[in-house]
């Protein structure tokens, strides 16, 4: 396992929970079975209800064509900024358990799914392990990740300019057929606000 932390963590947060050491994490969410929007909102609620996770910002919803295995319905995709006291692997395992709780079945690689939760970035951590690679190794190649991520990545983040430029280009080129589906108002939080 290789794990490096490129920037210090340790900002105290208090959002109705006990203040504790918390890190910033950025995740991608996707769904293309059932009520896609409802599945994404259910995932956000599960994340935010977890005692060690707070959903700080949520992107708009974007509809995209499937990538890889294309014989399936279009996806709704979004991204979220989290604050968490969980370490990266703990957060990943928590998200995988939430996928199962929401009915995720892993039958076909890149196939249809009720919900997909992927960790993209975790507070400057570089990690290379069979179970998890950070930053996500293909995130800069995928419009369905970059466009929502640009909605939630704060101005001061090291990847902000690069993500915004690639997201702007993807929207202009309509990469992966990406289009704004719906804007959401995550409770008490607007895009690019900090808690």
Protein backbone atom coordinates (compact mmCIF):
# COMPACT_ATOMS: atom_id res chain seq x y z
CA UNK A 1 0.00 0.00 0.00
CA UNK A 2 1.25 3.46 -0.88
CA UNK A 3 -0.41 6.37 0.85
CA UNK A 4 0.79 9.93 0.89
CA UNK A 5 -0.92 12.98 2.27
CA UNK A 6 -0.05 16.01 0.18
CA UNK A 7 -1.75 18.54 2.41
CA UNK A 8 -2.48 18.61 6.14
CA UNK A 9 -5.92 17.72 7.40
CA UNK A 10 -7.45 18.57 10.67
CA UNK A 11 -9.99 21.37 10.43
CA UNK A 12 -12.51 21.16 13.23
CA UNK A 13 -16.10 21.04 12.04
CA UNK A 14 -19.25 21.18 14.05
CA UNK A 15 -22.52 20.69 12.21
CA UNK A 16 -24.75 19.56 15.04
CA UNK A 17 -22.38 16.67 15.72
CA UNK A 18 -19.44 16.52 18.08
CA UNK A 19 -16.49 18.48 16.67
CA UNK A 20 -13.86 16.06 15.44
CA UNK A 21 -10.92 15.92 13.07
CA UNK A 22 -12.42 15.83 9.60
CA UNK A 23 -11.12 15.55 6.06
CA UNK A 24 -12.61 16.73 2.77
CA UNK A 25 -13.61 14.04 0.29
CA UNK A 26 -15.20 14.30 -3.15
CA UNK A 27 -17.36 11.55 -4.56
CA UNK A 28 -19.24 10.80 -7.77
CA UNK A 29 -22.76 9.37 -7.71
CA UNK A 30 -24.61 7.76 -10.60
CA UNK A 31 -27.80 5.80 -11.27
CA UNK A 32 -29.58 4.47 -14.36
CA UNK A 33 -32.21 2.05 -13.01
CA UNK A 34 -35.53 2.84 -11.39
CA UNK A 35 -36.22 6.40 -10.24
CA UNK A 36 -32.70 7.68 -10.86
CA UNK A 37 -33.13 11.04 -9.16
CA UNK A 38 -34.76 9.46 -6.11
CA UNK A 39 -31.89 6.95 -5.82
CA UNK A 40 -29.31 9.75 -5.87
CA UNK A 41 -31.21 11.72 -3.21
CA UNK A 42 -31.52 8.57 -1.07
CA UNK A 43 -27.75 8.06 -1.32
CA UNK A 44 -27.10 11.68 -0.28
CA UNK A 45 -29.40 11.25 2.73
CA UNK A 46 -27.68 8.00 3.76
CA UNK A 47 -24.30 9.68 3.53
CA UNK A 48 -25.41 12.74 5.48
CA UNK A 49 -27.17 10.64 8.14
CA UNK A 50 -23.95 8.73 8.89
CA UNK A 51 -22.44 10.02 12.16
CA UNK A 52 -18.96 10.41 10.62
CA UNK A 53 -20.00 12.01 7.30
CA UNK A 54 -21.51 15.39 6.40
CA UNK A 55 -22.58 16.26 2.86
CA UNK A 56 -21.28 19.82 2.49
CA UNK A 57 -22.14 20.51 -1.17
CA UNK A 58 -24.04 18.67 -3.88
CA UNK A 59 -23.85 19.31 -7.62
CA UNK A 60 -26.65 19.62 -10.10
CA UNK A 61 -27.85 16.43 -11.78
CA UNK A 62 -26.55 15.64 -15.27
CA UNK A 63 -27.85 13.06 -17.71
CA UNK A 64 -25.16 11.17 -19.65
CA UNK A 65 -24.91 8.36 -22.14
CA UNK A 66 -23.46 5.11 -20.77
CA UNK A 67 -19.72 4.55 -21.17
CA UNK A 68 -18.09 1.14 -21.69
CA UNK A 69 -21.14 -1.12 -21.77
CA UNK A 70 -23.51 0.98 -23.89
CA UNK A 71 -26.59 -1.28 -24.14
CA UNK A 72 -28.29 0.25 -21.10
CA UNK A 73 -30.35 3.32 -20.10
CA UNK A 74 -28.86 6.81 -19.73
CA UNK A 75 -27.37 7.73 -16.36
CA UNK A 76 -28.05 10.57 -13.98
CA UNK A 77 -24.75 11.66 -12.45
CA UNK A 78 -23.76 14.09 -9.74
CA UNK A 79 -20.92 14.81 -7.31
CA UNK A 80 -20.79 15.68 -3.63
CA UNK A 81 -18.27 17.27 -1.31
CA UNK A 82 -18.08 15.55 2.06
CA UNK A 83 -16.48 16.19 5.44
CA UNK A 84 -15.64 12.95 7.19
CA UNK A 85 -13.69 11.57 10.11
CA UNK A 86 -13.42 8.22 8.31
CA UNK A 87 -10.11 7.27 6.73
CA UNK A 88 -10.23 6.65 2.94
CA UNK A 89 -10.70 2.85 3.07
CA UNK A 90 -13.31 3.16 5.83
CA UNK A 91 -15.21 5.71 3.73
CA UNK A 92 -15.02 3.47 0.66
CA UNK A 93 -16.34 0.44 2.58
CA UNK A 94 -19.12 2.57 4.08
CA UNK A 95 -20.14 3.73 0.59
CA UNK A 96 -20.11 0.14 -0.73
CA UNK A 97 -22.42 -0.91 2.14
CA UNK A 98 -24.74 1.98 1.24
CA UNK A 99 -24.80 0.82 -2.40
CA UNK A 100 -25.93 -2.62 -1.21
CA UNK A 101 -28.54 -1.05 1.05
CA UNK A 102 -29.91 0.80 -1.99
CA UNK A 103 -30.15 -2.40 -4.07
CA UNK A 104 -26.90 -2.30 -6.07
CA UNK A 105 -26.13 -5.55 -7.89
CA UNK A 106 -22.76 -6.06 -9.59
CA UNK A 107 -23.60 -8.30 -12.56
CA UNK A 108 -21.98 -6.59 -15.57
CA UNK A 109 -18.84 -4.47 -15.44
CA UNK A 110 -19.91 -0.88 -16.22
CA UNK A 111 -23.45 -2.24 -16.42
CA UNK A 112 -26.79 -0.86 -15.24
CA UNK A 113 -27.08 0.04 -11.58
CA UNK A 114 -29.51 1.46 -9.07
CA UNK A 115 -26.66 3.47 -7.52
CA UNK A 116 -22.93 3.90 -7.93
CA UNK A 117 -20.76 5.72 -5.39
CA UNK A 118 -17.12 6.39 -6.33
CA UNK A 119 -14.49 8.17 -4.30
CA UNK A 120 -12.63 10.70 -6.44
CA UNK A 121 -10.43 12.70 -4.06
CA UNK A 122 -9.65 12.62 -0.36
CA UNK A 123 -7.94 15.63 1.27
CA UNK A 124 -4.71 15.54 -0.74
CA UNK A 125 -4.19 11.79 -0.22
CA UNK A 126 -2.42 9.76 -2.88
CA UNK A 127 -3.21 6.07 -2.44
CA UNK A 128 -2.40 3.06 -4.57
CA UNK A 129 -3.98 -0.14 -3.33
CA UNK A 130 -5.95 -2.94 -4.95
CA UNK A 131 -9.12 -1.81 -3.18
CA UNK A 132 -8.74 1.94 -3.76
CA UNK A 133 -6.66 4.33 -5.88
CA UNK A 134 -6.67 8.05 -5.11
CA UNK A 135 -7.08 10.33 -6.90
CA UNK A 136 -9.50 8.25 -8.98
CA UNK A 137 -7.36 7.08 -11.93
CA UNK A 138 -9.88 7.85 -14.71
CA UNK A 139 -11.73 10.87 -13.36
CA UNK A 140 -9.97 13.39 -15.63
CA UNK A 141 -11.11 11.40 -18.72
CA UNK A 142 -14.83 11.32 -17.92
CA UNK A 143 -17.27 14.15 -18.57
CA UNK A 144 -19.84 12.51 -16.30
CA UNK A 145 -17.40 12.94 -13.41
CA UNK A 146 -15.72 16.25 -14.29
CA UNK A 147 -18.81 18.34 -14.96
CA UNK A 148 -20.52 17.59 -11.60
CA UNK A 149 -17.17 17.74 -9.78
CA UNK A 150 -16.65 21.28 -11.10
CA UNK A 151 -19.90 22.23 -9.32
CA UNK A 152 -18.58 21.22 -5.88
CA UNK A 153 -14.80 21.69 -5.99
CA UNK A 154 -13.92 24.90 -4.10
CA UNK A 155 -11.96 27.68 -5.78
CA UNK A 156 -8.84 27.07 -3.68
CA UNK A 157 -8.53 23.36 -4.51
CA UNK A 158 -5.33 22.38 -6.36
CA UNK A 159 -7.34 20.79 -9.22
CA UNK A 160 -9.98 23.54 -9.49
CA UNK A 161 -8.67 25.22 -12.67
CA UNK A 162 -7.93 21.93 -14.47
CA UNK A 163 -11.30 20.36 -13.58
CA UNK A 164 -13.21 23.52 -14.54
CA UNK A 165 -11.47 23.81 -17.92
CA UNK A 166 -12.09 20.15 -18.81
CA UNK A 167 -15.68 20.35 -17.58
CA UNK A 168 -16.31 23.48 -19.66
CA UNK A 169 -14.88 21.73 -22.72
CA UNK A 170 -16.98 18.60 -22.09
CA UNK A 171 -20.17 20.66 -21.86
CA UNK A 172 -19.26 22.55 -25.01
CA UNK A 173 -18.48 19.34 -26.93
CA UNK A 174 -21.38 17.45 -25.29
CA UNK A 175 -18.93 14.69 -24.38
CA UNK A 176 -20.76 11.48 -23.41
CA UNK A 177 -23.98 13.28 -24.36
CA UNK A 178 -23.85 15.19 -21.08
CA UNK A 179 -26.66 17.63 -20.37
CA UNK A 180 -28.00 19.37 -17.28
CA UNK A 181 -30.97 17.37 -15.97
CA UNK A 182 -32.01 19.25 -12.84
CA UNK A 183 -30.60 21.58 -10.23
CA UNK A 184 -31.02 20.51 -6.64
CA UNK A 185 -31.03 22.50 -3.44
CA UNK A 186 -29.16 20.42 -0.90
CA UNK A 187 -30.47 21.51 2.54
CA UNK A 188 -28.86 24.75 3.64
CA UNK A 189 -25.96 24.53 1.22
CA UNK A 190 -25.29 26.29 -2.04
CA UNK A 191 -22.60 25.53 -4.61
CA UNK A 192 -19.09 26.58 -3.57
CA UNK A 193 -20.08 27.43 0.01
CA UNK A 194 -17.95 26.23 2.87
CA UNK A 195 -19.25 24.95 6.18
